């Protein structure tokens, strides 16, 4: 499947590839507000409006890491009865906003705080704390609130780190359970990226880099880097920046592959897409998101440009 074919695949669902999502309405796609999932009556109002407007598809936000609304299966069935295709928009790395702390103690924020991404700015400070201390996640949340959408960063809460293989398995399992329960026509991966290139400096990620780099070093080089590490916990990331970038980028791609495989194993006909930056080189540089490779290798079927990225979609120079 070449990139043109992949773009056409998403168009079958009424989604336009190459435009920001605020333009979705012009493409026959209605983005369902979260409030409309609270009751069947509210959802029926959305359906009636969508049909009257000639929309083709609904883009429904579904929290992978929260309880799915009990009536969502019935709602999706009602939409299909009215001739609408339904696409689930799921965050695959973002687990919560910085302002709304999960109520359930079974939420992954509480059960696996060691999986949370850490910005470089907080790395040394958090390395001194017990990862299961409330102060650890609390400092992460406060930092996220204070730095929301700073510059080109897209910090919108707390994120799971793709560097950890357990995270990829956890996300894939959540996606699988969702599509087993509800027959969506498409699944769109939101936040399939790092908030910026300055994430993830969590303890586990830095340890993973150390395990990968250290066996390849000479005895003399090990002693040199070990000496630096005594004073700087980020020594391996600082001394081997290309390996550090490659590890994070590769693991993000691996997470996307596992999540996509989970969808296709249950519903092979479902279109899997991802929200991406319009400039592939900037997406790779800023968010470690190698979406051209995802398309070229059929890891996903299509892409949609992030609403925050207003630039037109451009083809990478390869």
C-alpha atoms as a PDB file:
ATOM      1  CA  UNK A   1       0.000   0.000   0.000  1.00  0.00           C
ATOM      2  CA  UNK A   2       1.588   3.290  -1.032  1.00  0.00           C
ATOM      3  CA  UNK A   3       0.905   6.584   0.718  1.00  0.00           C
ATOM      4  CA  UNK A   4      -1.703   7.692  -1.824  1.00  0.00           C
ATOM      5  CA  UNK A   5      -3.637   4.454  -1.351  1.00  0.00           C
ATOM      6  CA  UNK A   6      -3.398   4.795   2.420  1.00  0.00           C
ATOM      7  CA  UNK A   7      -4.810   8.309   2.265  1.00  0.00           C
ATOM      8  CA  UNK A   8      -7.680   7.055   0.105  1.00  0.00           C
ATOM      9  CA  UNK A   9      -8.457   4.362   2.678  1.00  0.00           C
ATOM     10  CA  UNK A  10      -9.248   6.907   5.345  1.00  0.00           C
ATOM     11  CA  UNK A  11     -11.295   8.936   2.885  1.00  0.00           C
ATOM     12  CA  UNK A  12     -13.648   5.945   2.704  1.00  0.00           C
ATOM     13  CA  UNK A  13     -14.647   6.806   6.239  1.00  0.00           C
ATOM     14  CA  UNK A  14     -15.310  10.397   5.308  1.00  0.00           C
ATOM     15  CA  UNK A  15     -12.157  11.627   6.984  1.00  0.00           C
ATOM     16  CA  UNK A  16      -9.939  14.016   5.073  1.00  0.00           C
ATOM     17  CA  UNK A  17      -6.219  13.387   5.203  1.00  0.00           C
ATOM     18  CA  UNK A  18      -4.061  16.457   4.904  1.00  0.00           C
ATOM     19  CA  UNK A  19      -6.255  18.929   6.779  1.00  0.00           C
ATOM     20  CA  UNK A  20      -6.468  19.822  10.419  1.00  0.00           C
ATOM     21  CA  UNK A  21      -9.319  18.265  12.325  1.00  0.00           C
ATOM     22  CA  UNK A  22     -11.278  21.524  12.769  1.00  0.00           C
ATOM     23  CA  UNK A  23     -11.971  21.164   9.037  1.00  0.00           C
ATOM     24  CA  UNK A  24     -13.546  17.770   9.620  1.00  0.00           C
ATOM     25  CA  UNK A  25     -17.079  19.163   9.393  1.00  0.00           C
ATOM     26  CA  UNK A  26     -16.455  20.262   5.833  1.00  0.00           C
ATOM     27  CA  UNK A  27     -15.378  16.705   5.045  1.00  0.00           C
ATOM     28  CA  UNK A  28     -18.551  15.107   6.347  1.00  0.00           C
ATOM     29  CA  UNK A  29     -17.133  14.138   9.712  1.00  0.00           C
ATOM     30  CA  UNK A  30     -18.799  15.152  12.949  1.00  0.00           C
ATOM     31  CA  UNK A  31     -16.635  15.173  16.070  1.00  0.00           C
ATOM     32  CA  UNK A  32     -18.788  13.962  18.943  1.00  0.00           C
ATOM     33  CA  UNK A  33     -18.343  15.991  22.151  1.00  0.00           C
ATOM     34  CA  UNK A  34     -17.584  13.969  25.260  1.00  0.00           C
ATOM     35  CA  UNK A  35     -20.745  15.311  26.919  1.00  0.00           C
ATOM     36  CA  UNK A  36     -22.838  13.629  24.215  1.00  0.00           C
ATOM     37  CA  UNK A  37     -21.703  10.240  25.505  1.00  0.00           C
ATOM     38  CA  UNK A  38     -23.298  10.867  28.895  1.00  0.00           C
ATOM     39  CA  UNK A  39     -26.795   9.817  27.823  1.00  0.00           C
ATOM     40  CA  UNK A  40     -28.633   8.222  24.928  1.00  0.00           C
ATOM     41  CA  UNK A  41     -30.742  11.357  24.531  1.00  0.00           C
ATOM     42  CA  UNK A  42     -27.674  13.564  24.105  1.00  0.00           C
ATOM     43  CA  UNK A  43     -26.169  11.127  21.608  1.00  0.00           C
ATOM     44  CA  UNK A  44     -29.445  10.933  19.658  1.00  0.00           C
ATOM     45  CA  UNK A  45     -29.341  14.703  19.276  1.00  0.00           C
ATOM     46  CA  UNK A  46     -25.878  14.405  17.724  1.00  0.00           C
ATOM     47  CA  UNK A  47     -27.113  11.650  15.392  1.00  0.00           C
ATOM     48  CA  UNK A  48     -30.117  13.658  14.263  1.00  0.00           C
ATOM     49  CA  UNK A  49     -27.953  16.705  13.572  1.00  0.00           C
ATOM     50  CA  UNK A  50     -25.353  14.624  11.725  1.00  0.00           C
ATOM     51  CA  UNK A  51     -27.917  12.970   9.457  1.00  0.00           C
ATOM     52  CA  UNK A  52     -29.645  16.299   8.759  1.00  0.00           C
ATOM     53  CA  UNK A  53     -26.277  17.846   7.849  1.00  0.00           C
ATOM     54  CA  UNK A  54     -25.365  15.023   5.477  1.00  0.00           C
ATOM     55  CA  UNK A  55     -22.405  13.849   7.557  1.00  0.00           C
ATOM     56  CA  UNK A  56     -20.845  10.502   6.697  1.00  0.00           C
ATOM     57  CA  UNK A  57     -18.949   9.655   9.870  1.00  0.00           C
ATOM     58  CA  UNK A  58     -18.726  10.289  13.580  1.00  0.00           C
ATOM     59  CA  UNK A  59     -15.403  10.697  15.371  1.00  0.00           C
ATOM     60  CA  UNK A  60     -16.018   9.536  18.939  1.00  0.00           C
ATOM     61  CA  UNK A  61     -13.480  10.188  21.745  1.00  0.00           C
ATOM     62  CA  UNK A  62     -13.041   7.065  23.865  1.00  0.00           C
ATOM     63  CA  UNK A  63     -10.805   6.918  26.933  1.00  0.00           C
ATOM     64  CA  UNK A  64      -8.731   3.747  26.751  1.00  0.00           C
ATOM     65  CA  UNK A  65      -7.799   4.004  30.410  1.00  0.00           C
ATOM     66  CA  UNK A  66     -11.212   4.952  31.830  1.00  0.00           C
ATOM     67  CA  UNK A  67     -14.499   3.091  32.073  1.00  0.00           C
ATOM     68  CA  UNK A  68     -16.254   2.980  28.706  1.00  0.00           C
ATOM     69  CA  UNK A  69     -19.771   4.518  28.826  1.00  0.00           C
ATOM     70  CA  UNK A  70     -22.201   1.664  29.344  1.00  0.00           C
ATOM     71  CA  UNK A  71     -24.443   2.714  26.473  1.00  0.00           C
ATOM     72  CA  UNK A  72     -21.680   3.293  23.914  1.00  0.00           C
ATOM     73  CA  UNK A  73     -22.217  -0.037  22.146  1.00  0.00           C
ATOM     74  CA  UNK A  74     -25.898   0.800  21.716  1.00  0.00           C
ATOM     75  CA  UNK A  75     -25.007   4.312  20.551  1.00  0.00           C
ATOM     76  CA  UNK A  76     -22.617   3.017  17.899  1.00  0.00           C
ATOM     77  CA  UNK A  77     -25.251   0.558  16.706  1.00  0.00           C
ATOM     78  CA  UNK A  78     -27.780   3.402  16.425  1.00  0.00           C
ATOM     79  CA  UNK A  79     -25.321   5.454  14.373  1.00  0.00           C
ATOM     80  CA  UNK A  80     -24.702   2.576  11.979  1.00  0.00           C
ATOM     81  CA  UNK A  81     -28.460   2.060  11.602  1.00  0.00           C
ATOM     82  CA  UNK A  82     -28.665   5.661  10.393  1.00  0.00           C
ATOM     83  CA  UNK A  83     -25.933   5.063   7.814  1.00  0.00           C
ATOM     84  CA  UNK A  84     -23.079   6.672   9.704  1.00  0.00           C
ATOM     85  CA  UNK A  85     -19.616   5.166  10.060  1.00  0.00           C
ATOM     86  CA  UNK A  86     -18.105   5.466  13.521  1.00  0.00           C
ATOM     87  CA  UNK A  87     -14.420   6.034  14.304  1.00  0.00           C
ATOM     88  CA  UNK A  88     -13.027   5.803  17.842  1.00  0.00           C
ATOM     89  CA  UNK A  89     -10.421   8.428  18.698  1.00  0.00           C
ATOM     90  CA  UNK A  90      -8.185   7.007  21.428  1.00  0.00           C
ATOM     91  CA  UNK A  91      -5.190   8.451  23.243  1.00  0.00           C
ATOM     92  CA  UNK A  92      -2.480   5.789  23.152  1.00  0.00           C
ATOM     93  CA  UNK A  93       0.089   7.563  25.325  1.00  0.00           C
ATOM     94  CA  UNK A  94      -1.776  10.302  27.207  1.00  0.00           C
ATOM     95  CA  UNK A  95      -3.458   8.764  30.248  1.00  0.00           C
ATOM     96  CA  UNK A  96      -4.948  11.776  31.996  1.00  0.00           C
ATOM     97  CA  UNK A  97      -5.071  15.535  31.846  1.00  0.00           C
ATOM     98  CA  UNK A  98      -2.987  17.411  34.377  1.00  0.00           C
ATOM     99  CA  UNK A  99      -6.105  19.070  35.793  1.00  0.00           C
ATOM    100  CA  UNK A 100      -8.408  16.065  36.244  1.00  0.00           C
ATOM    101  CA  UNK A 101      -6.876  13.412  38.474  1.00  0.00           C
ATOM    102  CA  UNK A 102      -8.376   9.901  38.037  1.00  0.00           C
ATOM    103  CA  UNK A 103     -10.775   8.923  40.795  1.00  0.00           C
ATOM    104  CA  UNK A 104     -10.229   5.179  40.610  1.00  0.00           C
ATOM    105  CA  UNK A 105      -7.189   3.822  42.436  1.00  0.00           C
ATOM    106  CA  UNK A 106      -7.031   1.116  39.754  1.00  0.00           C
ATOM    107  CA  UNK A 107      -6.063   3.711  37.150  1.00  0.00           C
ATOM    108  CA  UNK A 108      -2.639   3.179  35.583  1.00  0.00           C
ATOM    109  CA  UNK A 109      -1.419   6.503  37.031  1.00  0.00           C
ATOM    110  CA  UNK A 110      -1.609   4.885  40.469  1.00  0.00           C
ATOM    111  CA  UNK A 111      -0.785   1.281  39.612  1.00  0.00           C
ATOM    112  CA  UNK A 112       2.241   1.999  37.400  1.00  0.00           C
ATOM    113  CA  UNK A 113       3.648   5.477  38.078  1.00  0.00           C
ATOM    114  CA  UNK A 114       7.026   4.164  36.907  1.00  0.00           C
ATOM    115  CA  UNK A 115       5.579   4.046  33.364  1.00  0.00           C
ATOM    116  CA  UNK A 116       4.904   7.790  33.235  1.00  0.00           C
ATOM    117  CA  UNK A 117       7.013   9.945  30.925  1.00  0.00           C
ATOM    118  CA  UNK A 118       9.337  12.448  32.576  1.00  0.00           C
ATOM    119  CA  UNK A 119      10.584  15.697  30.989  1.00  0.00           C
ATOM    120  CA  UNK A 120      14.327  16.313  31.056  1.00  0.00           C
ATOM    121  CA  UNK A 121      13.736  19.353  33.226  1.00  0.00           C
ATOM    122  CA  UNK A 122      12.405  17.171  36.061  1.00  0.00           C
ATOM    123  CA  UNK A 123      14.619  14.125  35.575  1.00  0.00           C
ATOM    124  CA  UNK A 124      17.212  14.789  38.291  1.00  0.00           C
ATOM    125  CA  UNK A 125      14.634  16.034  40.774  1.00  0.00           C
ATOM    126  CA  UNK A 126      12.372  12.988  40.333  1.00  0.00           C
ATOM    127  CA  UNK A 127      15.275  10.538  40.342  1.00  0.00           C
ATOM    128  CA  UNK A 128      15.666  11.267  44.058  1.00  0.00           C
ATOM    129  CA  UNK A 129      12.033  10.402  44.878  1.00  0.00           C
ATOM    130  CA  UNK A 130      10.272   7.105  45.448  1.00  0.00           C
ATOM    131  CA  UNK A 131       8.367   6.560  42.200  1.00  0.00           C
ATOM    132  CA  UNK A 132       5.323   5.387  44.197  1.00  0.00           C
ATOM    133  CA  UNK A 133       5.276   8.448  46.397  1.00  0.00           C
ATOM    134  CA  UNK A 134       2.270  10.756  45.758  1.00  0.00           C
ATOM    135  CA  UNK A 135       4.818  13.550  45.522  1.00  0.00           C
ATOM    136  CA  UNK A 136       6.332  11.930  42.406  1.00  0.00           C
ATOM    137  CA  UNK A 137       3.204  12.019  40.223  1.00  0.00           C
ATOM    138  CA  UNK A 138       2.106  15.238  41.897  1.00  0.00           C
ATOM    139  CA  UNK A 139       5.242  17.058  40.753  1.00  0.00           C
ATOM    140  CA  UNK A 140       4.741  15.665  37.243  1.00  0.00           C
ATOM    141  CA  UNK A 141       1.158  16.953  37.171  1.00  0.00           C
ATOM    142  CA  UNK A 142       2.119  20.402  38.453  1.00  0.00           C
ATOM    143  CA  UNK A 143       4.874  20.659  35.867  1.00  0.00           C
ATOM    144  CA  UNK A 144       2.447  19.629  33.106  1.00  0.00           C
ATOM    145  CA  UNK A 145      -0.071  22.288  34.152  1.00  0.00           C
ATOM    146  CA  UNK A 146       2.604  24.981  34.267  1.00  0.00           C
ATOM    147  CA  UNK A 147       4.056  24.025  30.881  1.00  0.00           C
ATOM    148  CA  UNK A 148       0.947  23.209  28.852  1.00  0.00           C
ATOM    149  CA  UNK A 149       1.490  23.912  25.139  1.00  0.00           C
ATOM    150  CA  UNK A 150       4.757  25.754  25.712  1.00  0.00           C
ATOM    151  CA  UNK A 151       6.288  26.619  22.346  1.00  0.00           C
ATOM    152  CA  UNK A 152       6.150  23.590  20.038  1.00  0.00           C
ATOM    153  CA  UNK A 153       5.657  21.228  22.975  1.00  0.00           C
ATOM    154  CA  UNK A 154       2.274  19.486  23.171  1.00  0.00           C
ATOM    155  CA  UNK A 155       2.047  18.839  26.901  1.00  0.00           C
ATOM    156  CA  UNK A 156      -1.602  18.123  27.692  1.00  0.00           C
ATOM    157  CA  UNK A 157      -1.306  15.956  30.779  1.00  0.00           C
ATOM    158  CA  UNK A 158       0.548  12.833  31.853  1.00  0.00           C
ATOM    159  CA  UNK A 159       1.798  10.253  29.364  1.00  0.00           C
ATOM    160  CA  UNK A 160       2.862   6.623  29.306  1.00  0.00           C
ATOM    161  CA  UNK A 161       6.361   6.010  28.012  1.00  0.00           C
ATOM    162  CA  UNK A 162       6.633   3.866  24.857  1.00  0.00           C
ATOM    163  CA  UNK A 163      10.199   2.980  25.875  1.00  0.00           C
ATOM    164  CA  UNK A 164       8.825   0.354  28.271  1.00  0.00           C
ATOM    165  CA  UNK A 165       7.720  -2.811  26.476  1.00  0.00           C
ATOM    166  CA  UNK A 166       5.153  -3.382  29.231  1.00  0.00           C
ATOM    167  CA  UNK A 167       3.458  -0.145  28.186  1.00  0.00           C
ATOM    168  CA  UNK A 168       3.057  -1.296  24.581  1.00  0.00           C
ATOM    169  CA  UNK A 169       1.470  -4.535  25.799  1.00  0.00           C
ATOM    170  CA  UNK A 170      -0.795  -2.619  28.190  1.00  0.00           C
ATOM    171  CA  UNK A 171      -1.987  -0.214  25.472  1.00  0.00           C
ATOM    172  CA  UNK A 172      -2.490  -3.001  22.929  1.00  0.00           C
ATOM    173  CA  UNK A 173      -4.586  -4.956  25.422  1.00  0.00           C
ATOM    174  CA  UNK A 174      -6.762  -1.903  26.119  1.00  0.00           C
ATOM    175  CA  UNK A 175      -7.278  -1.344  22.379  1.00  0.00           C
ATOM    176  CA  UNK A 176      -8.125  -5.014  21.848  1.00  0.00           C
ATOM    177  CA  UNK A 177     -10.763  -4.975  24.609  1.00  0.00           C
ATOM    178  CA  UNK A 178     -12.318  -1.845  23.108  1.00  0.00           C
ATOM    179  CA  UNK A 179     -12.743  -3.234  19.590  1.00  0.00           C
ATOM    180  CA  UNK A 180     -13.894  -6.601  20.896  1.00  0.00           C
ATOM    181  CA  UNK A 181     -16.705  -4.828  22.692  1.00  0.00           C
ATOM    182  CA  UNK A 182     -17.682  -2.232  20.097  1.00  0.00           C
ATOM    183  CA  UNK A 183     -17.675  -2.668  16.270  1.00  0.00           C
ATOM    184  CA  UNK A 184     -16.033   0.594  15.255  1.00  0.00           C
ATOM    185  CA  UNK A 185     -15.406   1.201  11.543  1.00  0.00           C
ATOM    186  CA  UNK A 186     -12.123   2.892  12.362  1.00  0.00           C
ATOM    187  CA  UNK A 187      -9.727   3.507  15.233  1.00  0.00           C
ATOM    188  CA  UNK A 188      -7.692   6.692  15.292  1.00  0.00           C
ATOM    189  CA  UNK A 189      -4.590   6.823  17.479  1.00  0.00           C
ATOM    190  CA  UNK A 190      -4.300  10.231  19.122  1.00  0.00           C
ATOM    191  CA  UNK A 191      -1.100  11.252  20.964  1.00  0.00           C
ATOM    192  CA  UNK A 192       0.961   8.606  19.159  1.00  0.00           C
ATOM    193  CA  UNK A 193       3.992  10.750  19.916  1.00  0.00           C
ATOM    194  CA  UNK A 194       6.142  12.223  22.658  1.00  0.00           C
ATOM    195  CA  UNK A 195       5.054  15.670  23.910  1.00  0.00           C
ATOM    196  CA  UNK A 196       8.495  16.842  22.756  1.00  0.00           C
ATOM    197  CA  UNK A 197      11.999  15.551  22.205  1.00  0.00           C
ATOM    198  CA  UNK A 198      12.740  16.368  25.847  1.00  0.00           C
ATOM    199  CA  UNK A 199      10.692  13.371  27.062  1.00  0.00           C
ATOM    200  CA  UNK A 200      11.157  10.516  28.341  1.00  0.00           C
ATOM    201  CA  UNK A 201      13.825  10.884  30.979  1.00  0.00           C
ATOM    202  CA  UNK A 202      12.189   8.543  33.469  1.00  0.00           C
ATOM    203  CA  UNK A 203      14.359   6.259  35.541  1.00  0.00           C
ATOM    204  CA  UNK A 204      13.336   3.089  33.674  1.00  0.00           C
ATOM    205  CA  UNK A 205      13.962   4.622  30.251  1.00  0.00           C
ATOM    206  CA  UNK A 206      17.432   5.821  31.194  1.00  0.00           C
ATOM    207  CA  UNK A 207      18.212   2.373  32.605  1.00  0.00           C
ATOM    208  CA  UNK A 208      17.069   0.802  29.344  1.00  0.00           C
ATOM    209  CA  UNK A 209      19.403   3.057  27.359  1.00  0.00           C
ATOM    210  CA  UNK A 210      22.267   2.152  29.682  1.00  0.00           C
ATOM    211  CA  UNK A 211      21.609  -1.574  29.185  1.00  0.00           C
ATOM    212  CA  UNK A 212      21.657  -1.187  25.416  1.00  0.00           C
ATOM    213  CA  UNK A 213      24.743   1.031  25.189  1.00  0.00           C
ATOM    214  CA  UNK A 214      27.042  -0.358  27.865  1.00  0.00           C
ATOM    215  CA  UNK A 215      27.838  -3.794  26.316  1.00  0.00           C
ATOM    216  CA  UNK A 216      29.096  -2.077  23.160  1.00  0.00           C
ATOM    217  CA  UNK A 217      31.590   0.141  24.963  1.00  0.00           C
ATOM    218  CA  UNK A 218      35.250  -0.551  25.551  1.00  0.00           C
ATOM    219  CA  UNK A 219      36.418  -0.933  29.155  1.00  0.00           C
ATOM    220  CA  UNK A 220      38.012   2.508  28.987  1.00  0.00           C
ATOM    221  CA  UNK A 221      34.847   4.124  27.614  1.00  0.00           C
ATOM    222  CA  UNK A 222      32.732   2.452  30.292  1.00  0.00           C
ATOM    223  CA  UNK A 223      34.953   3.866  33.015  1.00  0.00           C
ATOM    224  CA  UNK A 224      34.720   7.316  31.452  1.00  0.00           C
ATOM    225  CA  UNK A 225      30.922   7.331  31.231  1.00  0.00           C
ATOM    226  CA  UNK A 226      30.566   5.708  34.654  1.00  0.00           C
ATOM    227  CA  UNK A 227      32.612   8.552  36.073  1.00  0.00           C
ATOM    228  CA  UNK A 228      30.265  11.091  34.521  1.00  0.00           C
ATOM    229  CA  UNK A 229      27.232   9.146  35.728  1.00  0.00           C
ATOM    230  CA  UNK A 230      28.346   9.499  39.348  1.00  0.00           C
ATOM    231  CA  UNK A 231      27.516  13.179  39.066  1.00  0.00           C
ATOM    232  CA  UNK A 232      24.945  13.180  36.244  1.00  0.00           C
ATOM    233  CA  UNK A 233      22.128  10.606  36.035  1.00  0.00           C
ATOM    234  CA  UNK A 234      21.564  11.612  32.399  1.00  0.00           C
ATOM    235  CA  UNK A 235      25.116  10.696  31.379  1.00  0.00           C
ATOM    236  CA  UNK A 236      24.227   8.024  28.827  1.00  0.00           C
ATOM    237  CA  UNK A 237      21.516  10.155  27.199  1.00  0.00           C
ATOM    238  CA  UNK A 238      23.894  13.115  27.017  1.00  0.00           C
ATOM    239  CA  UNK A 239      26.919  11.173  25.783  1.00  0.00           C
ATOM    240  CA  UNK A 240      25.013   9.116  23.186  1.00  0.00           C
ATOM    241  CA  UNK A 241      22.261  11.421  21.847  1.00  0.00           C
ATOM    242  CA  UNK A 242      21.672   9.563  18.571  1.00  0.00           C
ATOM    243  CA  UNK A 243      21.261   6.206  20.294  1.00  0.00           C
ATOM    244  CA  UNK A 244      18.951   7.869  22.819  1.00  0.00           C
ATOM    245  CA  UNK A 245      16.786   9.367  20.076  1.00  0.00           C
ATOM    246  CA  UNK A 246      16.757   6.107  18.131  1.00  0.00           C
ATOM    247  CA  UNK A 247      15.648   4.088  21.160  1.00  0.00           C
ATOM    248  CA  UNK A 248      12.701   6.370  21.908  1.00  0.00           C
ATOM    249  CA  UNK A 249      11.656   6.657  18.263  1.00  0.00           C
ATOM    250  CA  UNK A 250      11.854   2.901  17.681  1.00  0.00           C
ATOM    251  CA  UNK A 251       9.858   2.098  20.787  1.00  0.00           C
ATOM    252  CA  UNK A 252       7.107   4.535  19.804  1.00  0.00           C
ATOM    253  CA  UNK A 253       6.847   2.795  16.442  1.00  0.00           C
ATOM    254  CA  UNK A 254       6.729  -0.564  18.240  1.00  0.00           C
ATOM    255  CA  UNK A 255       3.819   0.655  20.369  1.00  0.00           C
ATOM    256  CA  UNK A 256       1.902   1.764  17.261  1.00  0.00           C
ATOM    257  CA  UNK A 257       2.527  -1.613  15.631  1.00  0.00           C
ATOM    258  CA  UNK A 258       1.289  -3.537  18.662  1.00  0.00           C
ATOM    259  CA  UNK A 259      -1.834  -1.391  18.992  1.00  0.00           C
ATOM    260  CA  UNK A 260      -2.590  -1.709  15.278  1.00  0.00           C
ATOM    261  CA  UNK A 261      -2.052  -5.489  15.413  1.00  0.00           C
ATOM    262  CA  UNK A 262      -4.497  -5.695  18.322  1.00  0.00           C
ATOM    263  CA  UNK A 263      -7.179  -3.942  16.254  1.00  0.00           C
ATOM    264  CA  UNK A 264      -6.643  -6.028  13.127  1.00  0.00           C
ATOM    265  CA  UNK A 265      -6.598  -9.312  15.059  1.00  0.00           C
ATOM    266  CA  UNK A 266     -10.161  -8.643  16.177  1.00  0.00           C
ATOM    267  CA  UNK A 267     -11.533  -6.649  13.217  1.00  0.00           C
ATOM    268  CA  UNK A 268      -9.300  -6.946  10.118  1.00  0.00           C
ATOM    269  CA  UNK A 269     -11.491  -4.581   8.102  1.00  0.00           C
ATOM    270  CA  UNK A 270     -11.194  -1.715  10.595  1.00  0.00           C
ATOM    271  CA  UNK A 271      -9.259   1.311   9.320  1.00  0.00           C
ATOM    272  CA  UNK A 272      -6.410   2.241  11.689  1.00  0.00           C
ATOM    273  CA  UNK A 273      -5.145   5.810  11.491  1.00  0.00           C
ATOM    274  CA  UNK A 274      -2.984   8.165  13.512  1.00  0.00           C
ATOM    275  CA  UNK A 275      -2.993  11.895  14.179  1.00  0.00           C
ATOM    276  CA  UNK A 276       0.327  13.302  12.952  1.00  0.00           C
ATOM    277  CA  UNK A 277       2.221  16.500  12.337  1.00  0.00           C
ATOM    278  CA  UNK A 278       1.869  17.849   8.799  1.00  0.00           C
ATOM    279  CA  UNK A 279       5.629  18.142   8.216  1.00  0.00           C
ATOM    280  CA  UNK A 280       7.117  14.636   8.595  1.00  0.00           C
ATOM    281  CA  UNK A 281      10.614  15.975   9.285  1.00  0.00           C
ATOM    282  CA  UNK A 282       9.334  18.256  12.053  1.00  0.00           C
ATOM    283  CA  UNK A 283       7.178  15.433  13.460  1.00  0.00           C
ATOM    284  CA  UNK A 284      10.255  13.241  13.653  1.00  0.00           C
ATOM    285  CA  UNK A 285      12.446  15.959  15.132  1.00  0.00           C
ATOM    286  CA  UNK A 286       9.956  17.436  17.597  1.00  0.00           C
ATOM    287  CA  UNK A 287       7.866  14.423  18.606  1.00  0.00           C
ATOM    288  CA  UNK A 288       9.958  11.378  17.526  1.00  0.00           C
ATOM    289  CA  UNK A 289       7.002  10.411  15.327  1.00  0.00           C
ATOM    290  CA  UNK A 290       8.160   8.624  12.160  1.00  0.00           C
ATOM    291  CA  UNK A 291       4.769   8.485  10.460  1.00  0.00           C
ATOM    292  CA  UNK A 292       6.020   8.090   6.841  1.00  0.00           C
ATOM    293  CA  UNK A 293       7.623   4.807   7.920  1.00  0.00           C
ATOM    294  CA  UNK A 294       4.353   3.807   9.598  1.00  0.00           C
ATOM    295  CA  UNK A 295       2.518   4.284   6.309  1.00  0.00           C
ATOM    296  CA  UNK A 296       5.162   2.786   4.047  1.00  0.00           C
ATOM    297  CA  UNK A 297       5.287  -0.378   6.157  1.00  0.00           C
ATOM    298  CA  UNK A 298       1.497  -0.594   6.606  1.00  0.00           C
ATOM    299  CA  UNK A 299       1.766  -0.132  10.342  1.00  0.00           C
ATOM    300  CA  UNK A 300      -1.259   2.165   9.939  1.00  0.00           C
ATOM    301  CA  UNK A 301      -3.716   2.634   7.079  1.00  0.00           C
ATOM    302  CA  UNK A 302      -3.894   6.427   7.038  1.00  0.00           C
ATOM    303  CA  UNK A 303      -3.068   9.688   8.788  1.00  0.00           C
ATOM    304  CA  UNK A 304      -4.910  12.820   9.852  1.00  0.00           C
ATOM    305  CA  UNK A 305      -3.127  16.091  10.580  1.00  0.00           C
ATOM    306  CA  UNK A 306      -3.222  17.336  14.159  1.00  0.00           C
ATOM    307  CA  UNK A 307      -5.662  20.177  14.787  1.00  0.00           C
ATOM    308  CA  UNK A 308      -2.841  22.171  16.380  1.00  0.00           C
ATOM    309  CA  UNK A 309      -0.765  21.862  13.210  1.00  0.00           C
ATOM    310  CA  UNK A 310      -2.309  24.108  10.598  1.00  0.00           C
ATOM    311  CA  UNK A 311       0.344  23.683   7.923  1.00  0.00           C
ATOM    312  CA  UNK A 312      -0.700  21.660   4.839  1.00  0.00           C
ATOM    313  CA  UNK A 313       0.427  18.057   4.616  1.00  0.00           C
ATOM    314  CA  UNK A 314       3.677  17.705   2.712  1.00  0.00           C
ATOM    315  CA  UNK A 315       5.414  14.644   1.397  1.00  0.00           C
ATOM    316  CA  UNK A 316       8.814  13.873   2.893  1.00  0.00           C
ATOM    317  CA  UNK A 317      11.883  14.042   0.714  1.00  0.00           C
ATOM    318  CA  UNK A 318      13.094  10.459   0.753  1.00  0.00           C
END
